[in-house]
Amino acid sequence: MRLPITVHRARLGATEFKVIRPARPPSHAVLIDRDRYLDVHLDRDAALRLGGLWALAATSPRALIHLPMRGNRPPSRPLPEDAAHRLDLVLVHHSLQFAPARWKEVRGRLGPGRPRTVTLPGSALESDAVVDHAARHHRENRDLFHQHLHAETLFMTGSAKVFRETARHFLDVAHEGPGHVPVHPDHPHFCTALHPNDGVLGDAREIHIRYREDWGP
C-alpha cells in the first residue's frame, strides 16, 4: 500500500518533534467521545487510510502520527446525540514517552510539512495475520494501548506489536462494510471494535469502528 503523507517538525527548546499526517486527511471520518466508549465513523477510503496510518505507527517509533478530524462533519443519519464531542487522533509509540500536555504547543508550531510517499509492506496490512490471543491475556503482556485526552485530541499510545495486530480492524471495515447486509435494524452498519476482552486495552476505553456511507454533501 502506498500512503501519501506530509512530514512536519516542531522544536520546543532543545527537543525536536516529528509529526506525520496524511497528505489528504479523509473528510468522511469522525472520532466521537461517547463517555463510556469512543466511536469512529468512516467510509471505505478513510478506513483504508486509517489502517495504513495504524500500520505506519508500528514502524515509526520516533514520530507522532496525527489525523486531524475533529472539524469533519458527522454522517447524515442517524446523527449521534453527542456528535459535538469530536476529537483529533494521535498515534504514539510508547518508547517516545511523549507527554500529551505538550501537544497543543507542538501542534501550534507545525509548518506546511514536506510531502512523501511511504510504501507499507503487505505483511503490515494482513487482516488475517496470526495473533496469539492467549498471550494477550497473560499478566506479563505489555503490548497494550493506553489513552489520554488533551487539547481535543485522543492519544493512542502502544507498542509496535499492538499497532500492527490491530490495524486489521480498519481493513475489515473497508472490505466488509460496503457490502454489509444488516441482520437487525438496531445494527444497520458493519462494526468492529477494540474491546477489553481482546486483551489489547490497558488504561483505555473501548473503541467502536463503524462503516458509514451516508455522509451527505
N, C-alpha and C. Protein backbone atom coordinates (compact mmCIF):
# COMPACT_ATOMS: atom_id res chain seq x y z
N MET A 1 0.85 -1.19 0.00
CA MET A 1 0.00 0.00 0.00
C MET A 1 0.88 1.25 0.00
N ARG A 2 0.60 2.16 -0.91
CA ARG A 2 1.32 3.44 -0.97
C ARG A 2 0.49 4.49 -0.24
N LEU A 3 1.13 5.17 0.69
CA LEU A 3 0.42 6.10 1.56
C LEU A 3 1.07 7.48 1.46
N PRO A 4 0.42 8.44 0.79
CA PRO A 4 0.97 9.81 0.72
C PRO A 4 0.84 10.49 2.08
N ILE A 5 1.93 11.07 2.54
CA ILE A 5 1.95 11.72 3.85
C ILE A 5 2.66 13.06 3.75
N THR A 6 2.56 13.86 4.79
CA THR A 6 3.42 15.03 4.95
C THR A 6 4.16 14.88 6.28
N VAL A 7 5.43 15.26 6.26
CA VAL A 7 6.28 15.14 7.45
C VAL A 7 6.56 16.54 7.97
N HIS A 8 6.19 16.79 9.21
CA HIS A 8 6.33 18.10 9.84
C HIS A 8 7.32 17.99 11.00
N ARG A 9 7.92 19.11 11.34
CA ARG A 9 8.82 19.15 12.50
C ARG A 9 8.54 20.40 13.31
N ALA A 10 8.63 20.25 14.62
CA ALA A 10 8.44 21.38 15.53
C ALA A 10 9.46 21.27 16.65
N ARG A 11 10.05 22.37 17.02
CA ARG A 11 11.06 22.37 18.08
C ARG A 11 10.53 23.10 19.31
N LEU A 12 10.64 22.43 20.45
CA LEU A 12 10.34 23.04 21.74
C LEU A 12 11.62 22.98 22.57
N GLY A 13 12.26 24.10 22.75
CA GLY A 13 13.53 24.11 23.47
C GLY A 13 14.56 23.31 22.71
N ALA A 14 15.17 22.34 23.39
CA ALA A 14 16.20 21.51 22.77
C ALA A 14 15.63 20.28 22.07
N THR A 15 14.31 20.10 22.14
CA THR A 15 13.70 18.88 21.61
C THR A 15 12.98 19.16 20.31
N GLU A 16 13.25 18.35 19.29
CA GLU A 16 12.55 18.44 18.02
C GLU A 16 11.58 17.27 17.90
N PHE A 17 10.36 17.58 17.50
CA PHE A 17 9.33 16.56 17.34
C PHE A 17 9.02 16.38 15.86
N LYS A 18 8.87 15.13 15.47
CA LYS A 18 8.48 14.77 14.11
C LYS A 18 7.01 14.36 14.11
N VAL A 19 6.23 14.98 13.25
CA VAL A 19 4.79 14.71 13.17
C VAL A 19 4.45 14.30 11.74
N ILE A 20 3.77 13.18 11.61
CA ILE A 20 3.35 12.67 10.30
C ILE A 20 1.84 12.82 10.19
N ARG A 21 1.41 13.37 9.06
CA ARG A 21 -0.02 13.49 8.76
C ARG A 21 -0.31 12.88 7.39
N PRO A 22 -1.51 12.40 7.16
CA PRO A 22 -1.87 12.01 5.80
C PRO A 22 -1.85 13.23 4.90
N ALA A 23 -1.37 13.08 3.67
CA ALA A 23 -1.29 14.22 2.76
C ALA A 23 -2.67 14.81 2.49
N ARG A 24 -3.66 13.95 2.47
CA ARG A 24 -5.05 14.40 2.29
C ARG A 24 -5.89 13.74 3.37
N PRO A 25 -6.05 14.41 4.51
CA PRO A 25 -6.84 13.81 5.58
C PRO A 25 -8.26 13.47 5.11
N PRO A 26 -8.75 12.29 5.41
CA PRO A 26 -10.09 11.91 4.94
C PRO A 26 -11.16 12.78 5.59
N SER A 27 -12.10 13.25 4.77
CA SER A 27 -13.19 14.09 5.29
C SER A 27 -14.34 13.25 5.83
N HIS A 28 -14.43 12.00 5.37
CA HIS A 28 -15.52 11.13 5.84
C HIS A 28 -15.02 10.23 6.96
N ALA A 29 -14.65 10.87 8.05
CA ALA A 29 -14.17 10.15 9.23
C ALA A 29 -14.36 11.06 10.44
N VAL A 30 -15.00 10.53 11.49
CA VAL A 30 -15.13 11.28 12.73
C VAL A 30 -14.83 10.35 13.90
N LEU A 31 -14.25 10.93 14.94
CA LEU A 31 -13.99 10.24 16.20
C LEU A 31 -14.78 10.96 17.27
N ILE A 32 -15.71 10.24 17.91
CA ILE A 32 -16.65 10.85 18.86
C ILE A 32 -16.42 10.27 20.24
N ASP A 33 -16.31 11.15 21.23
CA ASP A 33 -16.19 10.73 22.63
C ASP A 33 -17.60 10.50 23.17
N ARG A 34 -17.94 9.22 23.41
CA ARG A 34 -19.28 8.88 23.91
C ARG A 34 -19.28 8.63 25.41
N ASP A 35 -18.26 9.08 26.08
CA ASP A 35 -18.13 8.97 27.53
C ASP A 35 -17.67 7.58 27.96
N ARG A 36 -18.55 6.59 27.87
CA ARG A 36 -18.17 5.24 28.28
C ARG A 36 -17.26 4.57 27.26
N TYR A 37 -17.37 4.98 26.00
CA TYR A 37 -16.55 4.41 24.94
C TYR A 37 -16.34 5.46 23.86
N LEU A 38 -15.56 5.11 22.85
CA LEU A 38 -15.26 6.01 21.74
C LEU A 38 -15.82 5.42 20.46
N ASP A 39 -16.27 6.28 19.58
CA ASP A 39 -16.91 5.87 18.34
C ASP A 39 -16.14 6.44 17.15
N VAL A 40 -15.75 5.58 16.21
CA VAL A 40 -15.17 6.04 14.95
C VAL A 40 -16.15 5.70 13.84
N HIS A 41 -16.58 6.70 13.08
CA HIS A 41 -17.43 6.50 11.91
C HIS A 41 -16.60 6.86 10.68
N LEU A 42 -16.59 6.01 9.67
CA LEU A 42 -15.75 6.30 8.50
C LEU A 42 -16.23 5.50 7.29
N ASP A 43 -15.86 6.02 6.09
CA ASP A 43 -16.20 5.31 4.87
C ASP A 43 -15.03 4.42 4.46
N ARG A 44 -15.14 3.78 3.30
CA ARG A 44 -14.12 2.81 2.89
C ARG A 44 -12.75 3.46 2.73
N ASP A 45 -12.71 4.60 2.05
CA ASP A 45 -11.42 5.27 1.81
C ASP A 45 -10.77 5.66 3.13
N ALA A 46 -11.55 6.21 4.05
CA ALA A 46 -10.99 6.61 5.35
C ALA A 46 -10.52 5.39 6.13
N ALA A 47 -11.26 4.28 6.04
CA ALA A 47 -10.87 3.07 6.76
C ALA A 47 -9.53 2.54 6.24
N LEU A 48 -9.34 2.57 4.92
CA LEU A 48 -8.07 2.12 4.35
C LEU A 48 -6.92 3.01 4.80
N ARG A 49 -7.15 4.33 4.77
CA ARG A 49 -6.07 5.24 5.15
C ARG A 49 -5.77 5.17 6.65
N LEU A 50 -6.81 5.01 7.46
CA LEU A 50 -6.55 4.91 8.89
C LEU A 50 -5.85 3.60 9.23
N GLY A 51 -6.22 2.52 8.53
CA GLY A 51 -5.49 1.27 8.70
C GLY A 51 -4.04 1.41 8.31
N GLY A 52 -3.77 2.18 7.24
CA GLY A 52 -2.39 2.42 6.83
C GLY A 52 -1.62 3.22 7.85
N LEU A 53 -2.24 4.23 8.43
CA LEU A 53 -1.58 5.04 9.46
C LEU A 53 -1.33 4.20 10.71
N TRP A 54 -2.28 3.34 11.05
CA TRP A 54 -2.13 2.45 12.21
C TRP A 54 -0.90 1.55 12.00
N ALA A 55 -0.77 0.99 10.79
CA ALA A 55 0.39 0.15 10.49
C ALA A 55 1.68 0.97 10.46
N LEU A 56 1.59 2.21 9.97
CA LEU A 56 2.77 3.08 9.94
C LEU A 56 3.25 3.38 11.36
N ALA A 57 2.32 3.51 12.31
CA ALA A 57 2.70 3.77 13.69
C ALA A 57 3.56 2.64 14.25
N ALA A 58 3.36 1.42 13.73
CA ALA A 58 4.15 0.27 14.20
C ALA A 58 5.60 0.38 13.76
N THR A 59 5.86 1.13 12.70
CA THR A 59 7.22 1.22 12.16
C THR A 59 7.83 2.61 12.33
N SER A 60 7.16 3.49 13.08
CA SER A 60 7.63 4.87 13.23
C SER A 60 7.70 5.25 14.71
N PRO A 61 8.59 4.61 15.46
CA PRO A 61 8.63 4.84 16.91
C PRO A 61 9.07 6.23 17.32
N ARG A 62 9.66 7.00 16.41
CA ARG A 62 10.14 8.34 16.77
C ARG A 62 9.24 9.45 16.27
N ALA A 63 8.04 9.10 15.81
CA ALA A 63 7.15 10.12 15.25
C ALA A 63 5.78 10.08 15.91
N LEU A 64 5.13 11.23 15.92
CA LEU A 64 3.72 11.34 16.29
C LEU A 64 2.92 11.29 14.99
N ILE A 65 1.93 10.42 14.92
CA ILE A 65 1.11 10.32 13.71
C ILE A 65 -0.23 10.97 14.00
N HIS A 66 -0.51 12.06 13.31
CA HIS A 66 -1.66 12.92 13.62
C HIS A 66 -2.69 12.86 12.50
N LEU A 67 -3.91 12.56 12.87
CA LEU A 67 -5.02 12.58 11.92
C LEU A 67 -5.98 13.68 12.34
N PRO A 68 -5.95 14.86 11.68
CA PRO A 68 -6.90 15.92 12.00
C PRO A 68 -8.29 15.53 11.51
N MET A 69 -9.25 15.46 12.42
CA MET A 69 -10.59 15.03 12.02
C MET A 69 -11.70 15.66 12.85
N ARG A 70 -11.37 16.45 13.87
CA ARG A 70 -12.42 16.95 14.75
C ARG A 70 -13.30 17.99 14.04
N GLY A 71 -12.81 18.57 12.94
CA GLY A 71 -13.62 19.53 12.20
C GLY A 71 -14.51 18.90 11.15
N ASN A 72 -14.42 17.58 10.96
CA ASN A 72 -15.23 16.91 9.95
C ASN A 72 -16.70 16.85 10.36
N ARG A 73 -17.57 16.88 9.36
CA ARG A 73 -18.99 16.69 9.63
C ARG A 73 -19.28 15.23 9.90
N PRO A 74 -20.19 14.94 10.84
CA PRO A 74 -20.56 13.55 11.09
C PRO A 74 -21.46 13.03 9.98
N PRO A 75 -21.71 11.72 9.95
CA PRO A 75 -22.61 11.16 8.94
C PRO A 75 -23.99 11.80 9.01
N SER A 76 -24.75 11.66 7.92
CA SER A 76 -26.04 12.33 7.80
C SER A 76 -27.06 11.81 8.80
N ARG A 77 -27.36 10.50 8.73
CA ARG A 77 -28.36 9.90 9.62
C ARG A 77 -27.96 8.47 9.92
N PRO A 78 -28.27 7.95 11.12
CA PRO A 78 -28.77 8.74 12.25
C PRO A 78 -27.63 9.51 12.88
N LEU A 79 -27.89 10.73 13.27
CA LEU A 79 -26.87 11.59 13.85
C LEU A 79 -26.67 11.23 15.32
N PRO A 80 -25.45 10.90 15.73
CA PRO A 80 -25.22 10.59 17.14
C PRO A 80 -25.60 11.77 18.03
N GLU A 81 -26.22 11.48 19.16
CA GLU A 81 -26.67 12.54 20.06
C GLU A 81 -25.53 13.44 20.50
N ASP A 82 -24.34 12.84 20.70
CA ASP A 82 -23.21 13.61 21.22
C ASP A 82 -22.13 13.81 20.15
N ALA A 83 -22.57 13.99 18.90
CA ALA A 83 -21.61 14.14 17.81
C ALA A 83 -20.79 15.41 17.94
N ALA A 84 -21.19 16.31 18.83
CA ALA A 84 -20.42 17.54 19.01
C ALA A 84 -19.09 17.27 19.70
N HIS A 85 -18.97 16.15 20.40
CA HIS A 85 -17.74 15.84 21.14
C HIS A 85 -16.75 15.12 20.23
N ARG A 86 -16.31 15.80 19.18
CA ARG A 86 -15.44 15.19 18.19
C ARG A 86 -13.98 15.49 18.51
N LEU A 87 -13.11 14.55 18.16
CA LEU A 87 -11.71 14.63 18.54
C LEU A 87 -10.79 14.40 17.34
N ASP A 88 -9.58 14.93 17.42
CA ASP A 88 -8.49 14.52 16.55
C ASP A 88 -7.89 13.23 17.12
N LEU A 89 -6.99 12.63 16.37
CA LEU A 89 -6.35 11.39 16.79
C LEU A 89 -4.84 11.50 16.61
N VAL A 90 -4.09 11.07 17.62
CA VAL A 90 -2.64 10.96 17.52
C VAL A 90 -2.23 9.56 17.96
N LEU A 91 -1.42 8.90 17.12
CA LEU A 91 -0.90 7.57 17.41
C LEU A 91 0.56 7.73 17.83
N VAL A 92 0.92 7.12 18.96
CA VAL A 92 2.25 7.32 19.55
C VAL A 92 2.84 5.98 19.98
N HIS A 93 4.07 5.70 19.56
CA HIS A 93 4.78 4.54 20.08
C HIS A 93 5.19 4.83 21.52
N HIS A 94 5.00 3.85 22.41
CA HIS A 94 5.23 4.11 23.84
C HIS A 94 6.67 4.51 24.15
N SER A 95 7.62 4.07 23.33
CA SER A 95 9.02 4.38 23.61
C SER A 95 9.34 5.86 23.45
N LEU A 96 8.49 6.61 22.75
CA LEU A 96 8.73 8.05 22.57
C LEU A 96 8.50 8.81 23.88
N GLN A 97 7.67 8.24 24.75
CA GLN A 97 7.38 8.84 26.05
C GLN A 97 6.93 10.30 25.91
N PHE A 98 6.04 10.53 24.94
CA PHE A 98 5.55 11.88 24.69
C PHE A 98 4.50 12.27 25.72
N ALA A 99 4.62 13.48 26.26
CA ALA A 99 3.64 14.00 27.22
C ALA A 99 2.54 14.73 26.47
N PRO A 100 1.30 14.23 26.49
CA PRO A 100 0.21 14.89 25.75
C PRO A 100 0.03 16.36 26.10
N ALA A 101 0.42 16.77 27.31
CA ALA A 101 0.29 18.17 27.69
C ALA A 101 1.11 19.10 26.79
N ARG A 102 2.08 18.55 26.07
CA ARG A 102 2.92 19.36 25.19
C ARG A 102 2.31 19.49 23.78
N TRP A 103 1.25 18.73 23.52
CA TRP A 103 0.75 18.63 22.16
C TRP A 103 0.25 19.96 21.60
N LYS A 104 -0.48 20.72 22.38
CA LYS A 104 -1.03 21.97 21.86
C LYS A 104 0.06 22.90 21.36
N GLU A 105 1.17 22.95 22.10
CA GLU A 105 2.27 23.81 21.68
C GLU A 105 2.97 23.23 20.45
N VAL A 106 3.16 21.91 20.42
CA VAL A 106 3.77 21.28 19.24
C VAL A 106 2.91 21.52 18.01
N ARG A 107 1.61 21.29 18.15
CA ARG A 107 0.68 21.46 17.03
C ARG A 107 0.71 22.89 16.50
N GLY A 108 0.83 23.87 17.41
CA GLY A 108 0.84 25.27 17.00
C GLY A 108 2.10 25.69 16.27
N ARG A 109 3.15 24.87 16.35
CA ARG A 109 4.42 25.24 15.70
C ARG A 109 4.67 24.47 14.40
N LEU A 110 3.71 23.67 13.98
CA LEU A 110 3.92 22.87 12.77
C LEU A 110 3.76 23.73 11.52
N GLY A 111 4.69 23.57 10.59
CA GLY A 111 4.61 24.25 9.31
C GLY A 111 3.83 23.40 8.30
N PRO A 112 3.94 23.74 7.01
CA PRO A 112 3.18 23.00 5.98
C PRO A 112 3.67 21.57 5.79
N GLY A 113 4.89 21.28 6.17
CA GLY A 113 5.41 19.92 6.04
C GLY A 113 5.95 19.62 4.66
N ARG A 114 6.67 18.49 4.57
CA ARG A 114 7.23 18.05 3.30
C ARG A 114 6.50 16.80 2.83
N PRO A 115 6.08 16.79 1.57
CA PRO A 115 5.34 15.61 1.08
C PRO A 115 6.26 14.41 0.88
N ARG A 116 5.75 13.25 1.20
CA ARG A 116 6.45 11.98 0.99
C ARG A 116 5.42 10.91 0.71
N THR A 117 5.88 9.81 0.16
CA THR A 117 5.01 8.64 -0.01
C THR A 117 5.73 7.45 0.61
N VAL A 118 5.05 6.79 1.54
CA VAL A 118 5.62 5.60 2.16
C VAL A 118 4.92 4.38 1.57
N THR A 119 5.68 3.30 1.43
CA THR A 119 5.10 2.05 0.94
C THR A 119 5.08 1.05 2.09
N LEU A 120 3.88 0.65 2.46
CA LEU A 120 3.71 -0.30 3.54
C LEU A 120 3.73 -1.71 2.96
N PRO A 121 4.54 -2.60 3.53
CA PRO A 121 4.58 -3.98 3.02
C PRO A 121 3.24 -4.68 3.23
N GLY A 122 2.94 -5.64 2.38
CA GLY A 122 1.69 -6.37 2.50
C GLY A 122 1.51 -7.00 3.86
N SER A 123 2.62 -7.44 4.47
CA SER A 123 2.53 -8.09 5.78
C SER A 123 2.02 -7.14 6.86
N ALA A 124 2.20 -5.83 6.64
CA ALA A 124 1.74 -4.85 7.63
C ALA A 124 0.24 -4.64 7.57
N LEU A 125 -0.38 -5.11 6.49
CA LEU A 125 -1.81 -4.87 6.28
C LEU A 125 -2.58 -6.16 6.08
N GLU A 126 -2.09 -7.23 6.67
CA GLU A 126 -2.79 -8.51 6.56
C GLU A 126 -3.92 -8.56 7.57
N SER A 127 -5.17 -8.57 7.10
CA SER A 127 -6.30 -8.60 8.02
C SER A 127 -6.44 -9.95 8.70
N ASP A 128 -5.81 -11.00 8.15
CA ASP A 128 -5.93 -12.34 8.74
C ASP A 128 -4.60 -12.80 9.35
N ALA A 129 -3.78 -11.83 9.78
CA ALA A 129 -2.49 -12.16 10.39
C ALA A 129 -2.71 -13.02 11.63
N VAL A 130 -1.79 -13.96 11.87
CA VAL A 130 -1.91 -14.85 13.01
C VAL A 130 -1.61 -14.07 14.29
N VAL A 131 -2.52 -14.16 15.25
CA VAL A 131 -2.40 -13.45 16.52
C VAL A 131 -2.48 -14.46 17.65
N ASP A 132 -1.56 -14.36 18.59
CA ASP A 132 -1.58 -15.23 19.77
C ASP A 132 -2.52 -14.61 20.80
N HIS A 133 -3.81 -14.96 20.71
CA HIS A 133 -4.80 -14.35 21.59
C HIS A 133 -4.58 -14.74 23.04
N ALA A 134 -4.13 -15.95 23.28
CA ALA A 134 -3.90 -16.39 24.66
C ALA A 134 -2.82 -15.55 25.33
N ALA A 135 -1.75 -15.23 24.59
CA ALA A 135 -0.66 -14.45 25.16
C ALA A 135 -1.10 -13.05 25.54
N ARG A 136 -2.10 -12.52 24.83
CA ARG A 136 -2.58 -11.18 25.14
C ARG A 136 -3.15 -11.09 26.56
N HIS A 137 -3.65 -12.22 27.07
CA HIS A 137 -4.29 -12.21 28.37
C HIS A 137 -3.36 -12.61 29.50
N HIS A 138 -2.08 -12.81 29.19
CA HIS A 138 -1.10 -13.09 30.24
C HIS A 138 -0.84 -11.83 31.04
N ARG A 139 -0.60 -11.99 32.32
CA ARG A 139 -0.33 -10.85 33.19
C ARG A 139 0.89 -10.08 32.72
N GLU A 140 1.84 -10.77 32.08
CA GLU A 140 3.08 -10.13 31.64
C GLU A 140 2.92 -9.34 30.35
N ASN A 141 1.77 -9.41 29.72
CA ASN A 141 1.57 -8.72 28.45
C ASN A 141 1.71 -7.21 28.61
N ARG A 142 2.63 -6.62 27.85
CA ARG A 142 2.82 -5.17 27.87
C ARG A 142 2.42 -4.53 26.54
N ASP A 143 1.93 -5.33 25.62
CA ASP A 143 1.53 -4.81 24.31
C ASP A 143 0.07 -4.34 24.39
N LEU A 144 -0.11 -3.23 25.09
CA LEU A 144 -1.44 -2.71 25.38
C LEU A 144 -1.53 -1.24 24.96
N PHE A 145 -2.74 -0.83 24.59
CA PHE A 145 -2.98 0.58 24.32
C PHE A 145 -3.30 1.33 25.61
N HIS A 146 -2.79 2.55 25.70
CA HIS A 146 -3.18 3.48 26.76
C HIS A 146 -3.66 4.76 26.08
N GLN A 147 -4.62 5.41 26.69
CA GLN A 147 -5.24 6.59 26.09
C GLN A 147 -5.10 7.81 27.00
N HIS A 148 -4.97 8.97 26.37
CA HIS A 148 -5.03 10.24 27.07
C HIS A 148 -5.82 11.21 26.21
N LEU A 149 -6.54 12.12 26.84
CA LEU A 149 -7.25 13.18 26.14
C LEU A 149 -6.61 14.51 26.51
N HIS A 150 -6.25 15.27 25.47
CA HIS A 150 -5.69 16.60 25.71
C HIS A 150 -5.85 17.43 24.45
N ALA A 151 -6.25 18.69 24.63
CA ALA A 151 -6.37 19.64 23.51
C ALA A 151 -7.24 19.07 22.39
N GLU A 152 -8.40 18.53 22.77
CA GLU A 152 -9.38 17.98 21.82
C GLU A 152 -8.77 16.88 20.94
N THR A 153 -7.89 16.11 21.55
CA THR A 153 -7.16 15.07 20.82
C THR A 153 -7.10 13.80 21.67
N LEU A 154 -7.38 12.66 21.02
CA LEU A 154 -7.21 11.37 21.67
C LEU A 154 -5.82 10.84 21.32
N PHE A 155 -5.04 10.52 22.33
CA PHE A 155 -3.72 9.92 22.14
C PHE A 155 -3.84 8.42 22.38
N MET A 156 -3.48 7.64 21.36
CA MET A 156 -3.41 6.20 21.46
C MET A 156 -1.93 5.84 21.52
N THR A 157 -1.49 5.37 22.68
CA THR A 157 -0.08 5.03 22.89
C THR A 157 0.04 3.52 23.02
N GLY A 158 0.95 2.93 22.25
CA GLY A 158 1.10 1.48 22.30
C GLY A 158 2.40 1.02 21.69
N SER A 159 2.60 -0.29 21.66
CA SER A 159 3.80 -0.89 21.10
C SER A 159 3.64 -1.12 19.61
N ALA A 160 4.75 -1.42 18.95
CA ALA A 160 4.70 -1.75 17.53
C ALA A 160 3.78 -2.95 17.30
N LYS A 161 3.87 -3.92 18.19
CA LYS A 161 3.08 -5.15 18.02
C LYS A 161 1.59 -4.87 18.10
N VAL A 162 1.16 -4.09 19.07
CA VAL A 162 -0.28 -3.88 19.21
C VAL A 162 -0.82 -3.01 18.08
N PHE A 163 -0.04 -2.05 17.58
CA PHE A 163 -0.48 -1.29 16.41
C PHE A 163 -0.59 -2.20 15.20
N ARG A 164 0.43 -3.05 14.99
CA ARG A 164 0.45 -3.93 13.82
C ARG A 164 -0.73 -4.91 13.84
N GLU A 165 -1.00 -5.48 15.01
CA GLU A 165 -2.03 -6.52 15.08
C GLU A 165 -3.45 -5.96 15.05
N THR A 166 -3.64 -4.70 15.39
CA THR A 166 -4.99 -4.14 15.41
C THR A 166 -5.34 -3.31 14.18
N ALA A 167 -4.39 -3.09 13.28
CA ALA A 167 -4.70 -2.38 12.03
C ALA A 167 -5.77 -3.11 11.24
N ARG A 168 -5.88 -4.41 11.45
CA ARG A 168 -6.85 -5.22 10.70
C ARG A 168 -8.29 -4.76 10.92
N HIS A 169 -8.60 -4.14 12.07
CA HIS A 169 -9.97 -3.70 12.32
C HIS A 169 -10.43 -2.71 11.25
N PHE A 170 -9.54 -1.82 10.86
CA PHE A 170 -9.90 -0.83 9.84
C PHE A 170 -9.99 -1.47 8.46
N LEU A 171 -9.14 -2.47 8.21
CA LEU A 171 -9.20 -3.18 6.93
C LEU A 171 -10.49 -3.99 6.85
N ASP A 172 -10.92 -4.58 7.96
CA ASP A 172 -12.19 -5.31 7.98
C ASP A 172 -13.34 -4.38 7.62
N VAL A 173 -13.32 -3.16 8.16
CA VAL A 173 -14.38 -2.20 7.86
C VAL A 173 -14.35 -1.84 6.37
N ALA A 174 -13.15 -1.62 5.82
CA ALA A 174 -13.02 -1.26 4.41
C ALA A 174 -13.50 -2.38 3.50
N HIS A 175 -13.21 -3.63 3.86
CA HIS A 175 -13.55 -4.76 3.00
C HIS A 175 -14.98 -5.24 3.18
N GLU A 176 -15.47 -5.23 4.42
CA GLU A 176 -16.78 -5.80 4.71
C GLU A 176 -17.90 -4.77 4.75
N GLY A 177 -17.56 -3.52 5.04
CA GLY A 177 -18.59 -2.50 5.21
C GLY A 177 -19.45 -2.23 4.00
N PRO A 178 -18.86 -2.00 2.81
CA PRO A 178 -19.69 -1.63 1.66
C PRO A 178 -20.74 -2.67 1.28
N GLY A 179 -20.46 -3.95 1.46
CA GLY A 179 -21.42 -4.98 1.07
C GLY A 179 -22.20 -5.56 2.22
N HIS A 180 -22.15 -4.93 3.37
CA HIS A 180 -22.79 -5.48 4.57
C HIS A 180 -24.31 -5.51 4.44
N VAL A 181 -24.88 -6.66 4.78
CA VAL A 181 -26.33 -6.83 4.79
C VAL A 181 -26.79 -6.88 6.24
N PRO A 182 -27.55 -5.88 6.70
CA PRO A 182 -27.96 -5.86 8.12
C PRO A 182 -28.83 -7.06 8.47
N VAL A 183 -28.60 -7.60 9.65
CA VAL A 183 -29.43 -8.71 10.14
C VAL A 183 -30.36 -8.24 11.25
N HIS A 184 -30.19 -7.00 11.71
CA HIS A 184 -31.05 -6.45 12.75
C HIS A 184 -31.13 -4.94 12.56
N PRO A 185 -32.34 -4.35 12.66
CA PRO A 185 -32.47 -2.90 12.42
C PRO A 185 -31.68 -2.04 13.39
N ASP A 186 -31.34 -2.57 14.57
CA ASP A 186 -30.55 -1.80 15.53
C ASP A 186 -29.07 -1.75 15.15
N HIS A 187 -28.68 -2.56 14.17
CA HIS A 187 -27.28 -2.61 13.75
C HIS A 187 -27.21 -2.52 12.22
N PRO A 188 -27.55 -1.36 11.66
CA PRO A 188 -27.63 -1.23 10.21
C PRO A 188 -26.28 -1.17 9.50
N HIS A 189 -25.18 -0.94 10.24
CA HIS A 189 -23.88 -0.77 9.62
C HIS A 189 -22.88 -1.79 10.15
N PHE A 190 -21.93 -2.17 9.30
CA PHE A 190 -20.86 -3.06 9.75
C PHE A 190 -20.05 -2.36 10.84
N CYS A 191 -19.72 -3.10 11.89
CA CYS A 191 -19.00 -2.53 13.02
C CYS A 191 -18.03 -3.56 13.59
N THR A 192 -16.89 -3.10 13.98
CA THR A 192 -15.95 -3.92 14.74
C THR A 192 -15.47 -3.06 15.91
N ALA A 193 -14.65 -3.62 16.78
CA ALA A 193 -14.28 -2.86 17.98
C ALA A 193 -12.95 -3.32 18.55
N LEU A 194 -12.26 -2.37 19.18
CA LEU A 194 -11.16 -2.70 20.08
C LEU A 194 -11.81 -2.85 21.45
N HIS A 195 -11.90 -4.09 21.90
CA HIS A 195 -12.73 -4.43 23.06
C HIS A 195 -11.85 -4.88 24.22
N PRO A 196 -12.26 -4.60 25.46
CA PRO A 196 -11.48 -5.06 26.61
C PRO A 196 -11.20 -6.56 26.61
N ASN A 197 -12.13 -7.36 26.10
CA ASN A 197 -11.94 -8.81 26.08
C ASN A 197 -10.85 -9.25 25.11
N ASP A 198 -10.44 -8.33 24.20
CA ASP A 198 -9.41 -8.68 23.22
C ASP A 198 -8.01 -8.72 23.82
N GLY A 199 -7.84 -8.16 25.00
CA GLY A 199 -6.52 -8.14 25.62
C GLY A 199 -5.56 -7.14 25.01
N VAL A 200 -6.09 -6.06 24.41
CA VAL A 200 -5.22 -5.03 23.82
C VAL A 200 -5.39 -3.67 24.49
N LEU A 201 -6.31 -3.56 25.44
CA LEU A 201 -6.58 -2.28 26.09
C LEU A 201 -6.06 -2.31 27.52
N GLY A 202 -5.18 -1.38 27.83
CA GLY A 202 -4.71 -1.21 29.19
C GLY A 202 -5.56 -0.13 29.84
N ASP A 203 -4.97 1.05 30.03
CA ASP A 203 -5.71 2.19 30.53
C ASP A 203 -6.37 2.87 29.33
N ALA A 204 -7.42 2.24 28.83
CA ALA A 204 -8.03 2.71 27.58
C ALA A 204 -9.48 2.25 27.50
N ARG A 205 -10.29 3.09 26.88
CA ARG A 205 -11.69 2.75 26.68
C ARG A 205 -11.89 1.96 25.38
N GLU A 206 -12.98 1.25 25.33
CA GLU A 206 -13.37 0.52 24.13
C GLU A 206 -13.58 1.50 22.97
N ILE A 207 -13.21 1.06 21.76
CA ILE A 207 -13.41 1.87 20.56
C ILE A 207 -14.26 1.10 19.56
N HIS A 208 -15.41 1.64 19.20
CA HIS A 208 -16.24 1.06 18.15
C HIS A 208 -15.84 1.69 16.82
N ILE A 209 -15.70 0.88 15.79
CA ILE A 209 -15.29 1.35 14.47
C ILE A 209 -16.40 0.98 13.49
N ARG A 210 -17.11 1.96 12.97
CA ARG A 210 -18.33 1.73 12.20
C ARG A 210 -18.18 2.22 10.75
N TYR A 211 -18.60 1.39 9.82
CA TYR A 211 -18.64 1.80 8.42
C TYR A 211 -19.88 2.66 8.20
N ARG A 212 -19.69 3.80 7.53
CA ARG A 212 -20.82 4.66 7.15
C ARG A 212 -20.59 5.18 5.73
N GLU A 213 -21.66 5.22 4.97
CA GLU A 213 -21.56 5.78 3.61
C GLU A 213 -22.51 6.94 3.40
N ASP A 214 -23.30 7.29 4.43
CA ASP A 214 -24.32 8.34 4.31
C ASP A 214 -23.79 9.66 4.85
N TRP A 215 -22.88 10.28 4.09
CA TRP A 215 -22.22 11.50 4.57
C TRP A 215 -22.83 12.78 4.01
N GLY A 216 -23.67 12.67 3.03
CA GLY A 216 -24.31 13.87 2.50
C GLY A 216 -23.32 14.75 1.74
N PRO A 217 -23.75 15.96 1.35
CA PRO A 217 -22.89 16.86 0.58
C PRO A 217 -21.78 17.45 1.43
